Amino acid sequence: MIPPTREAPVPYAGPGAYSARLVAHTLRRPRVLLGEHRGDSPQSALRWLLRRAQDVADQLAAPYAHPVRAWTADRDEHTWALGYLTLGEPYVFWAADEDGTRYVFSTQRTAVPQPPSATRKFPSARTVRGRGFLRLVRIPGRTGAGTGAETQRR
């Protein structure tokens, strides 16, 4: 578990700004969600992952539980993960059991949806297909909200 004295302060990012998930990938079922958590800080997301990792390690055979327990005790790895999450990058750790099931522990910053500003105008544009790619073409004499991004079909 992460000791509170080693945690770097992180500004409040809003409710549910960080998500943590535990997913099992089995041979029979490609993906089984074993739990999900939304928190206000990377510390809360990582704490949840560490608690869930302890639960998984308690249920695995000793040789397969060892890497999970080592990960939960590695404070340097947790510090590195917190730094990565603070920068907005996702963090993933996975372990496997004797049956080939992979347990994927992941956490990331989730985008908090922002309503569009009433003053911002988005130009309308159409695309045309041509030789395997899409391209934008300008309409002569027209500008879209002052950007010149209006398009026409060629």
Protein backbone atom coordinates (compact mmCIF):
# COMPACT_ATOMS: atom_id res chain seq x y z
CA MET A 1 0.00 0.00 0.00
CA ILE A 2 1.19 3.54 -0.67
CA PRO A 3 2.19 5.38 2.48
CA PRO A 4 0.61 8.84 2.77
CA THR A 5 3.96 10.48 3.56
CA ARG A 6 5.43 9.58 0.15
CA GLU A 7 2.50 10.73 -1.96
CA ALA A 8 2.96 13.88 -3.99
CA PRO A 9 0.10 16.36 -3.70
CA VAL A 10 -2.11 16.37 -6.75
CA PRO A 11 -4.63 19.12 -7.44
CA TYR A 12 -8.28 18.12 -7.33
CA ALA A 13 -9.25 16.99 -10.82
CA GLY A 14 -13.00 16.63 -10.32
CA PRO A 15 -15.27 13.74 -9.42
CA GLY A 16 -14.39 10.49 -11.17
CA ALA A 17 -11.38 11.98 -12.95
CA TYR A 18 -9.37 8.74 -12.56
CA SER A 19 -10.60 5.24 -13.27
CA ALA A 20 -9.14 1.90 -12.24
CA ARG A 21 -10.14 -1.50 -13.64
CA LEU A 22 -9.42 -5.13 -13.06
CA VAL A 23 -10.12 -7.34 -16.06
CA ALA A 24 -9.52 -11.07 -16.46
CA HIS A 25 -8.75 -12.43 -19.92
CA THR A 26 -9.51 -16.15 -20.08
CA LEU A 27 -9.34 -18.74 -22.84
CA ARG A 28 -13.12 -19.21 -22.87
CA ARG A 29 -14.15 -15.59 -22.45
CA PRO A 30 -11.89 -12.91 -23.88
CA ARG A 31 -12.73 -10.32 -21.23
CA VAL A 32 -14.36 -10.47 -17.81
CA LEU A 33 -14.64 -7.24 -15.81
CA LEU A 34 -13.83 -8.03 -12.17
CA GLY A 35 -14.22 -4.52 -10.84
CA GLU A 36 -14.01 -0.84 -11.59
CA HIS A 37 -13.40 2.25 -9.47
CA ARG A 38 -13.63 5.98 -10.17
CA GLY A 39 -11.69 8.33 -7.94
CA ASP A 40 -10.74 11.97 -7.63
CA SER A 41 -6.98 11.41 -7.56
CA PRO A 42 -4.39 9.01 -8.94
CA GLN A 43 -3.67 7.92 -5.36
CA SER A 44 -7.23 6.68 -4.84
CA ALA A 45 -7.18 4.79 -8.15
CA LEU A 46 -3.83 3.16 -7.35
CA ARG A 47 -4.94 2.29 -3.79
CA TRP A 48 -7.99 0.52 -5.21
CA LEU A 49 -5.78 -1.45 -7.64
CA LEU A 50 -3.47 -2.49 -4.81
CA ARG A 51 -6.40 -3.71 -2.67
CA ARG A 52 -7.78 -5.70 -5.60
CA ALA A 53 -4.30 -7.10 -6.32
CA GLN A 54 -4.14 -8.41 -2.74
CA ASP A 55 -7.52 -10.11 -3.27
CA VAL A 56 -6.30 -11.73 -6.49
CA ALA A 57 -3.00 -12.81 -4.89
CA ASP A 58 -4.90 -14.48 -2.04
CA GLN A 59 -6.72 -16.67 -4.56
CA LEU A 60 -3.74 -17.65 -6.74
CA ALA A 61 -1.33 -20.53 -6.17
CA ALA A 62 1.95 -19.48 -4.49
CA PRO A 63 4.18 -19.33 -7.62
CA TYR A 64 1.61 -17.19 -9.44
CA ALA A 65 0.79 -15.01 -6.45
CA HIS A 66 4.43 -14.05 -5.87
CA PRO A 67 4.69 -11.47 -8.73
CA VAL A 68 1.41 -9.85 -7.65
CA ARG A 69 2.53 -9.60 -4.02
CA ALA A 70 5.91 -8.22 -5.11
CA TRP A 71 4.15 -5.56 -7.19
CA THR A 72 1.95 -4.52 -4.25
CA ALA A 73 5.04 -4.11 -2.04
CA ASP A 74 7.17 -2.18 -4.58
CA ARG A 75 7.00 1.46 -3.39
CA ASP A 76 9.30 2.72 -6.14
CA GLU A 77 6.98 1.28 -8.77
CA HIS A 78 3.99 2.97 -7.09
CA THR A 79 5.79 6.33 -7.07
CA TRP A 80 6.60 5.89 -10.74
CA ALA A 81 2.98 4.93 -11.51
CA LEU A 82 1.65 7.99 -9.67
CA GLY A 83 3.97 10.25 -11.63
CA TYR A 84 2.84 8.67 -14.87
CA LEU A 85 -0.85 9.06 -13.96
CA THR A 86 -0.33 12.67 -12.93
CA LEU A 87 1.02 13.35 -16.42
CA GLY A 88 -2.18 11.88 -17.87
CA GLU A 89 -0.67 8.60 -19.08
CA PRO A 90 -2.33 5.22 -18.36
CA TYR A 91 -0.65 2.63 -16.13
CA VAL A 92 -1.04 -1.15 -16.60
CA PHE A 93 0.19 -4.18 -14.64
CA TRP A 94 -0.76 -7.75 -15.46
CA ALA A 95 -0.20 -11.20 -14.02
CA ALA A 96 -1.13 -14.72 -15.13
CA ASP A 97 -2.21 -17.90 -13.37
CA GLU A 98 -1.66 -21.61 -14.10
CA ASP A 99 -4.71 -21.80 -16.40
CA GLY A 100 -3.42 -19.00 -18.65
CA THR A 101 -5.85 -16.42 -17.30
CA ARG A 102 -4.38 -12.92 -17.38
CA TYR A 103 -5.36 -10.41 -14.73
CA VAL A 104 -4.93 -6.87 -16.06
CA PHE A 105 -4.80 -4.05 -13.51
CA SER A 106 -5.10 -0.68 -15.24
CA THR A 107 -5.72 2.90 -14.28
CA GLN A 108 -5.92 6.11 -16.26
CA ARG A 109 -7.14 9.65 -16.18
CA THR A 110 -10.59 9.95 -17.68
CA ALA A 111 -11.59 13.00 -19.64
CA VAL A 112 -14.13 15.12 -17.86
CA PRO A 113 -16.55 16.23 -20.57
CA GLN A 114 -16.63 19.98 -21.09
CA PRO A 115 -19.68 21.57 -22.72
CA PRO A 116 -18.84 23.46 -25.91
CA SER A 117 -18.41 27.18 -25.54
CA ALA A 118 -21.21 29.31 -27.01
CA THR A 119 -18.64 31.67 -28.52
CA ARG A 120 -16.68 28.98 -30.36
CA LYS A 121 -17.88 28.25 -33.89
CA PHE A 122 -16.98 24.99 -35.52
CA PRO A 123 -16.61 25.18 -39.31
CA SER A 124 -18.73 22.81 -41.31
CA ALA A 125 -16.83 20.65 -43.74
CA ARG A 126 -17.58 17.87 -46.17
CA THR A 127 -15.11 15.31 -47.36
CA VAL A 128 -14.82 13.62 -50.72
CA ARG A 129 -13.44 10.22 -51.51
CA GLY A 130 -10.60 10.01 -53.92
CA ARG A 131 -8.04 7.28 -54.53
CA GLY A 132 -8.28 5.68 -51.13
CA PHE A 133 -8.25 8.78 -48.95
CA LEU A 134 -10.54 11.57 -47.83
CA ARG A 135 -9.69 15.16 -48.63
CA LEU A 136 -11.13 18.56 -47.82
CA VAL A 137 -11.74 21.05 -50.61
CA ARG A 138 -12.48 24.76 -50.21
CA ILE A 139 -15.56 26.46 -51.64
CA PRO A 140 -14.40 29.52 -53.60
CA GLY A 141 -15.67 32.79 -52.15
CA ARG A 142 -17.00 31.28 -48.89
CA THR A 143 -15.46 31.22 -45.47
CA GLY A 144 -16.66 29.24 -42.48
CA ALA A 145 -16.74 31.48 -39.41
CA GLY A 146 -13.71 33.32 -40.78
CA THR A 147 -11.61 30.16 -41.09
CA GLY A 148 -11.98 29.35 -44.79
CA ALA A 149 -12.81 25.74 -43.91
CA GLU A 150 -16.05 25.35 -45.88
CA THR A 151 -15.79 22.55 -48.41
CA GLN A 152 -17.46 21.40 -51.59
CA ARG A 153 -17.65 18.10 -53.43
CA ARG A 154 -15.27 17.78 -56.37
